Amino acid sequence: MKSSNSFLGIVIFTSLIFIVSACSPGQDTSAPAQTDSNSDDKTTETSSPPKIEDTAAVVSTPLWMTAELKDVRTGETFKVTDFKGKPVLLESFAVWCPICTQQQEEVKKLHADVGDDIITISLDTDQNEDEGRVLDHITKHDFTWYYAVSPIEVTRSLIDDFGPRVINAPLVPKILVCEDQSFKLLPFGVKSASNLKQTVAQECSA
């Protein structure tokens, strides 16, 4: 009887220990929350985007526009860029070329109409011709605009920009330079005075 009471006491004691253990707050074994060491109430700084430089290609003015040319009539020097603000018709020609003379007769009519509102420069690109021959030509036909013999470097610059046909005189090559100094090679062939006037108005309109 005594042993039974002892056994019962042991069971009750063990049960009490189990109950107390179950009710005690256990240790939190979960991993501590990770904190960002860089987030200690610091305001995130946003740097300005890097400055983007303007990398657009700078188009330089071609030599044929900036080179000094000599007017065979007056001996004065000039450049195509001197006429910024006015349209310029630059033609490549040779004295021996009758088609060139035909075109220049139309240019003469053009200037009778528009005066110096349009500038014309006739550039002799035949290296076998000189200023004396050009002067005889313009005196004979009473052509009164700018005439010059093309220096070799100017001729090369024209070829670089427009190809070798720009010095093929019978094609009567003609380059239009607008008031803002933009330019284009016009279609080849003889053009009437009215056609030249209309072309300048259309191509150089603002």
N, C-alpha and C. Protein backbone atom coordinates (compact mmCIF):
# COMPACT_ATOMS: atom_id res chain seq x y z
N MET A 1 0.84 -1.23 0.00
CA MET A 1 0.00 0.00 0.00
C MET A 1 0.85 1.23 0.00
N LYS A 2 1.95 1.06 0.77
CA LYS A 2 2.88 2.19 0.83
C LYS A 2 3.54 2.40 -0.50
N SER A 3 3.87 1.30 -1.18
CA SER A 3 4.53 1.42 -2.50
C SER A 3 3.57 2.00 -3.54
N SER A 4 2.32 1.68 -3.40
CA SER A 4 1.34 2.23 -4.36
C SER A 4 1.22 3.72 -4.20
N ASN A 5 1.23 4.17 -2.98
CA ASN A 5 1.16 5.62 -2.76
C ASN A 5 2.39 6.34 -3.27
N SER A 6 3.52 5.69 -3.13
CA SER A 6 4.77 6.30 -3.65
C SER A 6 4.73 6.42 -5.16
N PHE A 7 4.26 5.33 -5.80
CA PHE A 7 4.18 5.35 -7.27
C PHE A 7 3.24 6.44 -7.73
N LEU A 8 2.09 6.58 -7.01
CA LEU A 8 1.11 7.59 -7.39
C LEU A 8 1.69 8.99 -7.20
N GLY A 9 2.49 9.16 -6.17
CA GLY A 9 3.11 10.46 -5.93
C GLY A 9 4.08 10.85 -7.04
N ILE A 10 4.81 9.83 -7.47
CA ILE A 10 5.78 10.09 -8.57
C ILE A 10 5.06 10.51 -9.84
N VAL A 11 3.95 9.84 -10.15
CA VAL A 11 3.17 10.16 -11.37
C VAL A 11 2.65 11.57 -11.30
N ILE A 12 2.08 11.94 -10.09
CA ILE A 12 1.51 13.28 -9.95
C ILE A 12 2.61 14.33 -10.07
N PHE A 13 3.77 14.05 -9.46
CA PHE A 13 4.89 15.02 -9.52
C PHE A 13 5.39 15.22 -10.93
N THR A 14 5.49 14.11 -11.65
CA THR A 14 5.95 14.18 -13.05
C THR A 14 4.97 14.96 -13.91
N SER A 15 3.67 14.72 -13.65
CA SER A 15 2.65 15.43 -14.43
C SER A 15 2.69 16.92 -14.19
N LEU A 16 2.94 17.29 -12.90
CA LEU A 16 3.02 18.72 -12.58
C LEU A 16 4.19 19.39 -13.30
N ILE A 17 5.31 18.68 -13.31
CA ILE A 17 6.50 19.22 -14.02
C ILE A 17 6.19 19.42 -15.50
N PHE A 18 5.51 18.49 -16.12
CA PHE A 18 5.17 18.57 -17.55
C PHE A 18 4.26 19.76 -17.82
N ILE A 19 3.24 19.93 -16.88
CA ILE A 19 2.28 21.03 -17.07
C ILE A 19 2.97 22.37 -16.93
N VAL A 20 3.86 22.49 -15.91
CA VAL A 20 4.57 23.76 -15.70
C VAL A 20 5.46 24.09 -16.90
N SER A 21 6.14 23.06 -17.41
CA SER A 21 7.03 23.29 -18.57
C SER A 21 6.24 23.75 -19.78
N ALA A 22 5.06 23.15 -19.98
CA ALA A 22 4.25 23.51 -21.17
C ALA A 22 3.72 24.92 -21.08
N CYS A 23 3.48 25.40 -19.84
CA CYS A 23 2.90 26.73 -19.69
C CYS A 23 3.95 27.83 -19.63
N SER A 24 5.21 27.48 -19.44
CA SER A 24 6.27 28.51 -19.37
C SER A 24 6.55 29.07 -20.74
N PRO A 25 6.80 30.39 -20.85
CA PRO A 25 7.12 30.97 -22.17
C PRO A 25 8.44 30.44 -22.67
N GLY A 26 8.43 29.93 -23.88
CA GLY A 26 9.66 29.38 -24.44
C GLY A 26 10.55 30.45 -25.06
N GLN A 27 11.76 30.05 -25.25
CA GLN A 27 12.72 30.99 -25.88
C GLN A 27 12.42 31.11 -27.37
N ASP A 28 12.41 32.35 -27.87
CA ASP A 28 12.16 32.59 -29.31
C ASP A 28 13.41 32.23 -30.08
N THR A 29 13.32 31.15 -30.78
CA THR A 29 14.50 30.68 -31.53
C THR A 29 14.50 31.13 -32.97
N SER A 30 13.50 31.96 -33.31
CA SER A 30 13.46 32.41 -34.71
C SER A 30 14.60 33.38 -34.95
N ALA A 31 15.09 33.41 -36.19
CA ALA A 31 16.22 34.27 -36.55
C ALA A 31 15.81 35.73 -36.43
N PRO A 32 16.68 36.56 -35.89
CA PRO A 32 16.35 37.99 -35.78
C PRO A 32 16.15 38.62 -37.13
N ALA A 33 15.26 39.59 -37.19
CA ALA A 33 15.00 40.26 -38.48
C ALA A 33 16.24 40.99 -38.95
N GLN A 34 16.52 40.85 -40.22
CA GLN A 34 17.68 41.52 -40.79
C GLN A 34 17.37 43.00 -41.00
N THR A 35 18.28 43.80 -40.62
CA THR A 35 18.12 45.24 -40.81
C THR A 35 19.15 45.75 -41.78
N ASP A 36 18.75 46.70 -42.59
CA ASP A 36 19.65 47.28 -43.58
C ASP A 36 20.48 48.35 -42.89
N SER A 37 21.79 48.12 -42.83
CA SER A 37 22.65 49.06 -42.14
C SER A 37 22.68 50.41 -42.84
N ASN A 38 22.25 50.44 -44.09
CA ASN A 38 22.27 51.69 -44.84
C ASN A 38 20.97 52.46 -44.75
N SER A 39 19.99 51.91 -43.97
CA SER A 39 18.68 52.53 -43.93
C SER A 39 18.41 53.24 -42.61
N ASP A 40 19.49 53.63 -41.89
CA ASP A 40 19.32 54.29 -40.60
C ASP A 40 18.84 55.71 -40.78
N ASP A 41 17.54 55.82 -41.11
CA ASP A 41 16.91 57.14 -41.26
C ASP A 41 17.69 58.07 -42.19
N LYS A 42 18.39 57.46 -43.14
CA LYS A 42 19.12 58.29 -44.09
C LYS A 42 18.28 58.48 -45.34
N THR A 43 18.26 59.68 -45.84
CA THR A 43 17.52 59.96 -47.08
C THR A 43 18.35 59.49 -48.26
N THR A 44 17.75 58.66 -49.09
CA THR A 44 18.48 58.17 -50.26
C THR A 44 18.75 59.32 -51.22
N GLU A 45 20.02 59.47 -51.58
CA GLU A 45 20.40 60.55 -52.48
C GLU A 45 20.33 60.04 -53.92
N THR A 46 19.66 60.79 -54.77
CA THR A 46 19.57 60.43 -56.18
C THR A 46 20.44 61.38 -56.96
N SER A 47 21.47 60.84 -57.58
CA SER A 47 22.38 61.69 -58.34
C SER A 47 21.76 62.07 -59.67
N SER A 48 22.12 63.23 -60.17
CA SER A 48 21.61 63.69 -61.46
C SER A 48 22.18 62.82 -62.57
N PRO A 49 21.40 62.58 -63.60
CA PRO A 49 21.92 61.77 -64.71
C PRO A 49 23.11 62.47 -65.34
N PRO A 50 24.06 61.70 -65.86
CA PRO A 50 25.24 62.33 -66.47
C PRO A 50 24.84 63.21 -67.63
N LYS A 51 25.55 64.30 -67.75
CA LYS A 51 25.25 65.24 -68.82
C LYS A 51 25.58 64.63 -70.16
N ILE A 52 24.65 64.68 -71.04
CA ILE A 52 24.85 64.13 -72.38
C ILE A 52 25.36 65.24 -73.28
N GLU A 53 26.56 65.07 -73.75
CA GLU A 53 27.13 66.08 -74.63
C GLU A 53 26.51 65.97 -76.02
N ASP A 54 26.46 67.07 -76.69
CA ASP A 54 25.93 67.09 -78.05
C ASP A 54 27.00 66.52 -78.96
N THR A 55 26.76 65.31 -79.45
CA THR A 55 27.75 64.65 -80.29
C THR A 55 27.41 64.73 -81.76
N ALA A 56 26.46 65.60 -82.11
CA ALA A 56 26.11 65.74 -83.52
C ALA A 56 27.32 66.21 -84.30
N ALA A 57 27.50 65.65 -85.47
CA ALA A 57 28.65 66.01 -86.29
C ALA A 57 28.55 67.46 -86.73
N VAL A 58 29.65 68.14 -86.62
CA VAL A 58 29.69 69.53 -87.05
C VAL A 58 30.09 69.55 -88.52
N VAL A 59 29.19 70.01 -89.34
CA VAL A 59 29.46 70.04 -90.77
C VAL A 59 30.22 71.32 -91.09
N SER A 60 31.42 71.17 -91.60
CA SER A 60 32.23 72.33 -91.91
C SER A 60 31.85 72.87 -93.29
N THR A 61 32.05 74.15 -93.49
CA THR A 61 31.76 74.78 -94.78
C THR A 61 32.81 74.32 -95.78
N PRO A 62 32.40 73.83 -96.94
CA PRO A 62 33.37 73.32 -97.91
C PRO A 62 34.29 74.42 -98.45
N LEU A 63 35.45 74.00 -98.89
CA LEU A 63 36.46 74.95 -99.37
C LEU A 63 35.96 75.78 -100.54
N TRP A 64 35.17 75.19 -101.43
CA TRP A 64 34.72 75.95 -102.60
C TRP A 64 33.85 77.14 -102.22
N MET A 65 33.32 77.12 -100.98
CA MET A 65 32.52 78.25 -100.51
C MET A 65 33.36 79.30 -99.78
N THR A 66 34.49 78.88 -99.22
CA THR A 66 35.28 79.79 -98.40
C THR A 66 36.55 80.29 -99.09
N ALA A 67 36.93 79.67 -100.20
CA ALA A 67 38.15 80.08 -100.90
C ALA A 67 37.96 81.44 -101.58
N GLU A 68 39.01 82.23 -101.62
CA GLU A 68 38.95 83.52 -102.30
C GLU A 68 39.01 83.32 -103.81
N LEU A 69 38.10 83.97 -104.50
CA LEU A 69 38.05 83.94 -105.96
C LEU A 69 38.31 85.36 -106.47
N LYS A 70 38.84 85.44 -107.66
CA LYS A 70 39.16 86.75 -108.24
C LYS A 70 38.23 87.07 -109.40
N ASP A 71 37.51 88.16 -109.27
CA ASP A 71 36.62 88.61 -110.34
C ASP A 71 37.48 89.09 -111.50
N VAL A 72 37.34 88.46 -112.67
CA VAL A 72 38.22 88.78 -113.79
C VAL A 72 37.97 90.20 -114.33
N ARG A 73 36.81 90.74 -114.06
CA ARG A 73 36.50 92.07 -114.57
C ARG A 73 37.10 93.17 -113.68
N THR A 74 36.95 93.05 -112.40
CA THR A 74 37.38 94.11 -111.48
C THR A 74 38.69 93.82 -110.76
N GLY A 75 39.09 92.56 -110.74
CA GLY A 75 40.28 92.17 -110.02
C GLY A 75 40.05 92.03 -108.52
N GLU A 76 38.84 92.30 -108.06
CA GLU A 76 38.54 92.18 -106.64
C GLU A 76 38.31 90.72 -106.25
N THR A 77 38.65 90.40 -105.00
CA THR A 77 38.45 89.04 -104.53
C THR A 77 37.12 88.93 -103.77
N PHE A 78 36.56 87.76 -103.79
CA PHE A 78 35.29 87.50 -103.11
C PHE A 78 35.21 86.02 -102.78
N LYS A 79 34.27 85.67 -101.92
CA LYS A 79 34.00 84.28 -101.56
C LYS A 79 32.49 84.04 -101.66
N VAL A 80 32.12 82.82 -101.87
CA VAL A 80 30.69 82.49 -101.91
C VAL A 80 30.03 82.86 -100.58
N THR A 81 30.75 82.66 -99.49
CA THR A 81 30.18 82.96 -98.17
C THR A 81 29.96 84.45 -97.96
N ASP A 82 30.54 85.30 -98.80
CA ASP A 82 30.30 86.75 -98.68
C ASP A 82 28.84 87.11 -98.93
N PHE A 83 28.13 86.22 -99.61
CA PHE A 83 26.76 86.55 -100.04
C PHE A 83 25.70 85.87 -99.19
N LYS A 84 26.07 85.53 -97.95
CA LYS A 84 25.08 84.95 -97.05
C LYS A 84 23.92 85.94 -96.89
N GLY A 85 22.70 85.42 -96.99
CA GLY A 85 21.53 86.28 -96.94
C GLY A 85 20.89 86.48 -98.29
N LYS A 86 21.60 86.03 -99.35
CA LYS A 86 21.05 86.08 -100.70
C LYS A 86 21.26 84.73 -101.37
N PRO A 87 20.34 84.35 -102.26
CA PRO A 87 20.57 83.11 -103.01
C PRO A 87 21.68 83.31 -104.04
N VAL A 88 22.47 82.27 -104.22
CA VAL A 88 23.59 82.31 -105.17
C VAL A 88 23.45 81.17 -106.15
N LEU A 89 23.62 81.48 -107.42
CA LEU A 89 23.71 80.46 -108.46
C LEU A 89 25.16 80.38 -108.89
N LEU A 90 25.79 79.26 -108.61
CA LEU A 90 27.19 79.04 -108.98
C LEU A 90 27.23 78.05 -110.13
N GLU A 91 27.75 78.50 -111.28
CA GLU A 91 27.80 77.59 -112.42
C GLU A 91 29.24 77.28 -112.78
N SER A 92 29.45 76.04 -113.21
CA SER A 92 30.74 75.59 -113.72
C SER A 92 30.65 75.66 -115.25
N PHE A 93 31.64 76.30 -115.87
CA PHE A 93 31.55 76.47 -117.33
C PHE A 93 32.95 76.49 -117.94
N ALA A 94 32.97 76.55 -119.28
CA ALA A 94 34.21 76.77 -120.04
C ALA A 94 33.87 77.68 -121.21
N VAL A 95 34.81 78.52 -121.58
CA VAL A 95 34.57 79.46 -122.68
C VAL A 95 34.29 78.72 -123.99
N TRP A 96 34.95 77.60 -124.23
CA TRP A 96 34.80 76.89 -125.49
C TRP A 96 33.43 76.21 -125.64
N CYS A 97 32.63 76.17 -124.55
CA CYS A 97 31.38 75.42 -124.51
C CYS A 97 30.20 76.28 -124.96
N PRO A 98 29.63 76.04 -126.17
CA PRO A 98 28.51 76.86 -126.65
C PRO A 98 27.24 76.68 -125.82
N ILE A 99 27.05 75.49 -125.24
CA ILE A 99 25.87 75.27 -124.40
C ILE A 99 25.97 76.14 -123.14
N CYS A 100 27.19 76.31 -122.65
CA CYS A 100 27.39 77.19 -121.48
C CYS A 100 26.98 78.62 -121.82
N THR A 101 27.36 79.07 -123.00
CA THR A 101 27.01 80.43 -123.43
C THR A 101 25.51 80.57 -123.57
N GLN A 102 24.86 79.52 -124.09
CA GLN A 102 23.40 79.53 -124.20
C GLN A 102 22.76 79.69 -122.82
N GLN A 103 23.28 78.97 -121.84
CA GLN A 103 22.75 79.08 -120.48
C GLN A 103 23.00 80.48 -119.91
N GLN A 104 24.15 81.04 -120.20
CA GLN A 104 24.47 82.37 -119.67
C GLN A 104 23.60 83.46 -120.29
N GLU A 105 23.15 83.24 -121.49
CA GLU A 105 22.20 84.19 -122.09
C GLU A 105 20.90 84.18 -121.29
N GLU A 106 20.50 83.03 -120.79
CA GLU A 106 19.30 82.94 -119.94
C GLU A 106 19.56 83.61 -118.58
N VAL A 107 20.77 83.46 -118.07
CA VAL A 107 21.12 84.12 -116.80
C VAL A 107 21.06 85.64 -116.98
N LYS A 108 21.48 86.10 -118.15
CA LYS A 108 21.42 87.54 -118.44
C LYS A 108 19.98 88.04 -118.37
N LYS A 109 19.05 87.26 -118.90
CA LYS A 109 17.63 87.61 -118.84
C LYS A 109 17.14 87.59 -117.38
N LEU A 110 17.63 86.62 -116.63
CA LEU A 110 17.23 86.51 -115.22
C LEU A 110 17.61 87.79 -114.46
N HIS A 111 18.83 88.27 -114.68
CA HIS A 111 19.27 89.46 -113.95
C HIS A 111 18.58 90.73 -114.44
N ALA A 112 18.15 90.72 -115.69
CA ALA A 112 17.36 91.85 -116.18
C ALA A 112 16.03 91.93 -115.42
N ASP A 113 15.59 90.79 -114.92
CA ASP A 113 14.31 90.71 -114.18
C ASP A 113 14.51 90.96 -112.69
N VAL A 114 15.50 90.28 -112.07
CA VAL A 114 15.62 90.31 -110.61
C VAL A 114 16.77 91.19 -110.11
N GLY A 115 17.57 91.71 -111.00
CA GLY A 115 18.70 92.53 -110.58
C GLY A 115 19.69 91.72 -109.77
N ASP A 116 20.12 92.27 -108.64
CA ASP A 116 21.08 91.56 -107.80
C ASP A 116 20.42 90.87 -106.60
N ASP A 117 19.10 90.64 -106.71
CA ASP A 117 18.42 89.87 -105.66
C ASP A 117 18.92 88.43 -105.66
N ILE A 118 19.40 87.99 -106.80
CA ILE A 118 20.05 86.69 -106.94
C ILE A 118 21.47 86.94 -107.41
N ILE A 119 22.44 86.31 -106.77
CA ILE A 119 23.84 86.45 -107.16
C ILE A 119 24.21 85.30 -108.08
N THR A 120 24.90 85.61 -109.18
CA THR A 120 25.40 84.56 -110.06
C THR A 120 26.92 84.62 -110.09
N ILE A 121 27.53 83.45 -109.98
CA ILE A 121 28.98 83.31 -110.09
C ILE A 121 29.25 82.26 -111.15
N SER A 122 29.94 82.66 -112.21
CA SER A 122 30.33 81.73 -113.26
C SER A 122 31.80 81.39 -113.04
N LEU A 123 32.06 80.11 -112.83
CA LEU A 123 33.39 79.65 -112.47
C LEU A 123 33.96 78.78 -113.59
N ASP A 124 35.02 79.27 -114.23
CA ASP A 124 35.66 78.53 -115.32
C ASP A 124 36.50 77.41 -114.72
N THR A 125 36.06 76.18 -114.89
CA THR A 125 36.75 75.04 -114.29
C THR A 125 37.64 74.30 -115.28
N ASP A 126 37.84 74.89 -116.47
CA ASP A 126 38.78 74.32 -117.45
C ASP A 126 40.16 74.89 -117.15
N GLN A 127 41.07 74.05 -116.69
CA GLN A 127 42.39 74.51 -116.27
C GLN A 127 43.25 74.99 -117.44
N ASN A 128 42.79 74.80 -118.68
CA ASN A 128 43.52 75.27 -119.85
C ASN A 128 43.12 76.69 -120.24
N GLU A 129 42.14 77.27 -119.54
CA GLU A 129 41.69 78.63 -119.85
C GLU A 129 42.15 79.59 -118.76
N ASP A 130 42.39 80.84 -119.16
CA ASP A 130 42.90 81.81 -118.21
C ASP A 130 41.96 83.02 -118.10
N GLU A 131 42.34 83.97 -117.25
CA GLU A 131 41.49 85.13 -117.00
C GLU A 131 41.29 85.97 -118.26
N GLY A 132 42.32 86.10 -119.08
CA GLY A 132 42.20 86.89 -120.32
C GLY A 132 41.14 86.35 -121.24
N ARG A 133 41.11 85.04 -121.39
CA ARG A 133 40.12 84.42 -122.27
C ARG A 133 38.71 84.59 -121.72
N VAL A 134 38.58 84.45 -120.41
CA VAL A 134 37.26 84.64 -119.78
C VAL A 134 36.80 86.09 -119.93
N LEU A 135 37.72 87.03 -119.76
CA LEU A 135 37.36 88.45 -119.88
C LEU A 135 36.90 88.77 -121.31
N ASP A 136 37.57 88.21 -122.30
CA ASP A 136 37.13 88.40 -123.69
C ASP A 136 35.72 87.85 -123.89
N HIS A 137 35.45 86.72 -123.30
CA HIS A 137 34.14 86.07 -123.43
C HIS A 137 33.03 86.95 -122.84
N ILE A 138 33.21 87.46 -121.65
CA ILE A 138 32.14 88.23 -121.01
C ILE A 138 31.98 89.62 -121.64
N THR A 139 33.08 90.14 -122.16
CA THR A 139 33.00 91.44 -122.84
C THR A 139 32.22 91.30 -124.14
N LYS A 140 32.48 90.24 -124.86
CA LYS A 140 31.81 89.99 -126.12
C LYS A 140 30.31 89.85 -125.95
N HIS A 141 29.88 89.19 -124.87
CA HIS A 141 28.46 88.89 -124.67
C HIS A 141 27.77 89.83 -123.67
N ASP A 142 28.52 90.76 -123.14
CA ASP A 142 27.97 91.72 -122.18
C ASP A 142 27.36 91.02 -120.98
N PHE A 143 28.12 90.08 -120.42
CA PHE A 143 27.71 89.41 -119.19
C PHE A 143 28.33 90.19 -118.02
N THR A 144 27.52 90.54 -117.05
CA THR A 144 27.97 91.50 -116.04
C THR A 144 28.03 90.97 -114.60
N TRP A 145 27.86 89.68 -114.40
CA TRP A 145 27.92 89.14 -113.03
C TRP A 145 29.34 88.68 -112.71
N TYR A 146 29.49 87.96 -111.64
CA TYR A 146 30.82 87.52 -111.19
C TYR A 146 31.36 86.39 -112.06
N TYR A 147 32.59 86.58 -112.54
CA TYR A 147 33.29 85.54 -113.30
C TYR A 147 34.66 85.34 -112.68
N ALA A 148 35.07 84.08 -112.55
CA ALA A 148 36.39 83.78 -112.01
C ALA A 148 36.91 82.48 -112.61
N VAL A 149 38.23 82.35 -112.65
CA VAL A 149 38.86 81.09 -113.03
C VAL A 149 39.04 80.27 -111.76
N SER A 150 38.58 79.05 -111.78
CA SER A 150 38.60 78.22 -110.58
C SER A 150 40.02 77.78 -110.23
N PRO A 151 40.50 78.10 -109.03
CA PRO A 151 41.77 77.53 -108.57
C PRO A 151 41.63 76.00 -108.48
N ILE A 152 42.72 75.29 -108.66
CA ILE A 152 42.66 73.83 -108.71
C ILE A 152 42.08 73.25 -107.42
N GLU A 153 42.39 73.88 -106.27
CA GLU A 153 41.86 73.34 -105.01
C GLU A 153 40.35 73.53 -104.91
N VAL A 154 39.83 74.58 -105.53
CA VAL A 154 38.38 74.80 -105.54
C VAL A 154 37.72 73.76 -106.43
N THR A 155 38.33 73.49 -107.59
CA THR A 155 37.80 72.47 -108.50
C THR A 155 37.76 71.11 -107.81
N ARG A 156 38.81 70.79 -107.10
CA ARG A 156 38.85 69.50 -106.38
C ARG A 156 37.78 69.44 -105.29
N SER A 157 37.56 70.57 -104.61
CA SER A 157 36.54 70.61 -103.57
C SER A 157 35.14 70.40 -104.16
N LEU A 158 34.89 70.99 -105.32
CA LEU A 158 33.60 70.79 -106.00
C LEU A 158 33.41 69.32 -106.38
N ILE A 159 34.47 68.71 -106.88
CA ILE A 159 34.38 67.29 -107.26
C ILE A 159 34.14 66.43 -106.02
N ASP A 160 34.79 66.77 -104.92
CA ASP A 160 34.59 66.01 -103.68
C ASP A 160 33.13 66.02 -103.25
N ASP A 161 32.46 67.18 -103.41
CA ASP A 161 31.08 67.32 -102.95
C ASP A 161 30.05 66.81 -103.95
N PHE A 162 30.33 66.96 -105.24
CA PHE A 162 29.29 66.70 -106.24
C PHE A 162 29.67 65.68 -107.30
N GLY A 163 30.90 65.19 -107.29
CA GLY A 163 31.33 64.23 -108.29
C GLY A 163 31.93 64.90 -109.52
N PRO A 164 32.60 64.14 -110.37
CA PRO A 164 33.33 64.70 -111.51
C PRO A 164 32.47 65.40 -112.56
N ARG A 165 31.19 65.06 -112.61
CA ARG A 165 30.34 65.69 -113.62
C ARG A 165 30.12 67.18 -113.36
N VAL A 166 30.45 67.63 -112.14
CA VAL A 166 30.25 69.04 -111.82
C VAL A 166 31.20 69.94 -112.61
N ILE A 167 32.23 69.35 -113.24
CA ILE A 167 33.12 70.16 -114.08
C ILE A 167 33.01 69.75 -115.56
N ASN A 168 31.93 69.03 -115.87
CA ASN A 168 31.66 68.67 -117.26
C ASN A 168 30.84 69.81 -117.88
N ALA A 169 31.53 70.74 -118.52
CA ALA A 169 30.91 71.99 -118.98
C ALA A 169 29.63 71.81 -119.81
N PRO A 170 29.59 70.92 -120.79
CA PRO A 170 28.37 70.79 -121.61
C PRO A 170 27.12 70.39 -120.81
N LEU A 171 27.29 69.89 -119.59
CA LEU A 171 26.13 69.57 -118.75
C LEU A 171 25.57 70.82 -118.07
N VAL A 172 26.25 71.94 -118.27
CA VAL A 172 25.94 73.22 -117.60
C VAL A 172 25.61 73.01 -116.10
N PRO A 173 26.57 72.47 -115.36
CA PRO A 173 26.33 72.23 -113.92
C PRO A 173 26.05 73.54 -113.19
N LYS A 174 25.09 73.49 -112.29
CA LYS A 174 24.71 74.69 -111.55
C LYS A 174 24.37 74.30 -110.11
N ILE A 175 24.99 75.00 -109.17
CA ILE A 175 24.77 74.77 -107.74
C ILE A 175 23.99 75.95 -107.17
N LEU A 176 22.94 75.65 -106.45
CA LEU A 176 22.16 76.69 -105.80
C LEU A 176 22.56 76.75 -104.33
N VAL A 177 22.98 77.94 -103.89
CA VAL A 177 23.30 78.18 -102.48
C VAL A 177 22.23 79.12 -101.94
N CYS A 178 21.48 78.66 -100.96
CA CYS A 178 20.39 79.48 -100.42
C CYS A 178 20.90 80.51 -99.42
N GLU A 179 19.99 81.35 -98.95
CA GLU A 179 20.35 82.45 -98.05
C GLU A 179 21.07 81.97 -96.79
N ASP A 180 20.72 80.79 -96.32
CA ASP A 180 21.32 80.26 -95.10
C ASP A 180 22.59 79.47 -95.38
N GLN A 181 23.05 79.50 -96.65
CA GLN A 181 24.28 78.84 -97.09
C GLN A 181 24.13 77.32 -97.24
N SER A 182 22.90 76.82 -97.16
CA SER A 182 22.69 75.43 -97.55
C SER A 182 22.77 75.38 -99.08
N PHE A 183 23.09 74.22 -99.62
CA PHE A 183 23.30 74.17 -101.06
C PHE A 183 22.89 72.83 -101.65
N LYS A 184 22.67 72.81 -102.95
CA LYS A 184 22.35 71.58 -103.66
C LYS A 184 22.72 71.73 -105.12
N LEU A 185 23.06 70.62 -105.74
CA LEU A 185 23.34 70.60 -107.17
C LEU A 185 22.02 70.46 -107.90
N LEU A 186 21.75 71.39 -108.81
CA LEU A 186 20.51 71.36 -109.58
C LEU A 186 20.62 70.34 -110.71
N PRO A 187 19.49 69.88 -111.23
CA PRO A 187 19.53 68.96 -112.37
C PRO A 187 20.31 69.57 -113.53
N PHE A 188 21.00 68.74 -114.27
CA PHE A 188 21.81 69.23 -115.39
C PHE A 188 20.92 69.69 -116.54
N GLY A 189 21.50 70.50 -117.42
CA GLY A 189 20.78 70.98 -118.60
C GLY A 189 20.51 72.47 -118.56
N VAL A 190 20.27 73.04 -119.72
CA VAL A 190 19.99 74.47 -119.84
C VAL A 190 18.63 74.78 -119.22
N LYS A 191 18.59 75.85 -118.45
CA LYS A 191 17.35 76.26 -117.78
C LYS A 191 17.01 77.69 -118.20
N SER A 192 15.73 77.93 -118.46
CA SER A 192 15.31 79.27 -118.84
C SER A 192 15.39 80.21 -117.65
N ALA A 193 15.33 81.51 -117.95
CA ALA A 193 15.37 82.52 -116.89
C ALA A 193 14.21 82.32 -115.92
N SER A 194 13.04 82.05 -116.44
CA SER A 194 11.87 81.87 -115.57
C SER A 194 12.01 80.60 -114.72
N ASN A 195 12.58 79.56 -115.31
CA ASN A 195 12.79 78.32 -114.56
C ASN A 195 13.78 78.54 -113.42
N LEU A 196 14.85 79.29 -113.69
CA LEU A 196 15.83 79.59 -112.64
C LEU A 196 15.19 80.39 -111.50
N LYS A 197 14.41 81.36 -111.85
CA LYS A 197 13.75 82.19 -110.85
C LYS A 197 12.81 81.35 -109.98
N GLN A 198 12.03 80.49 -110.63
CA GLN A 198 11.09 79.64 -109.91
C GLN A 198 11.82 78.63 -109.02
N THR A 199 12.92 78.08 -109.53
CA THR A 199 13.70 77.10 -108.76
C THR A 199 14.26 77.73 -107.49
N VAL A 200 14.80 78.93 -107.62
CA VAL A 200 15.36 79.62 -106.45
C VAL A 200 14.26 79.87 -105.42
N ALA A 201 13.09 80.31 -105.88
CA ALA A 201 11.99 80.59 -104.97
C ALA A 201 11.52 79.34 -104.24
N GLN A 202 11.43 78.22 -104.97
CA GLN A 202 10.94 76.98 -104.37
C GLN A 202 11.97 76.35 -103.43
N GLU A 203 13.22 76.27 -103.87
CA GLU A 203 14.24 75.58 -103.10
C GLU A 203 14.69 76.36 -101.87
N CYS A 204 14.64 77.68 -101.96
CA CYS A 204 15.15 78.51 -100.87
C CYS A 204 14.04 79.16 -100.03
N SER A 205 12.82 78.68 -100.20
CA SER A 205 11.73 79.26 -99.42
C SER A 205 11.90 78.90 -97.96
N ALA A 206 11.50 79.80 -97.07
CA ALA A 206 11.67 79.56 -95.62
C ALA A 206 10.73 78.46 -95.16
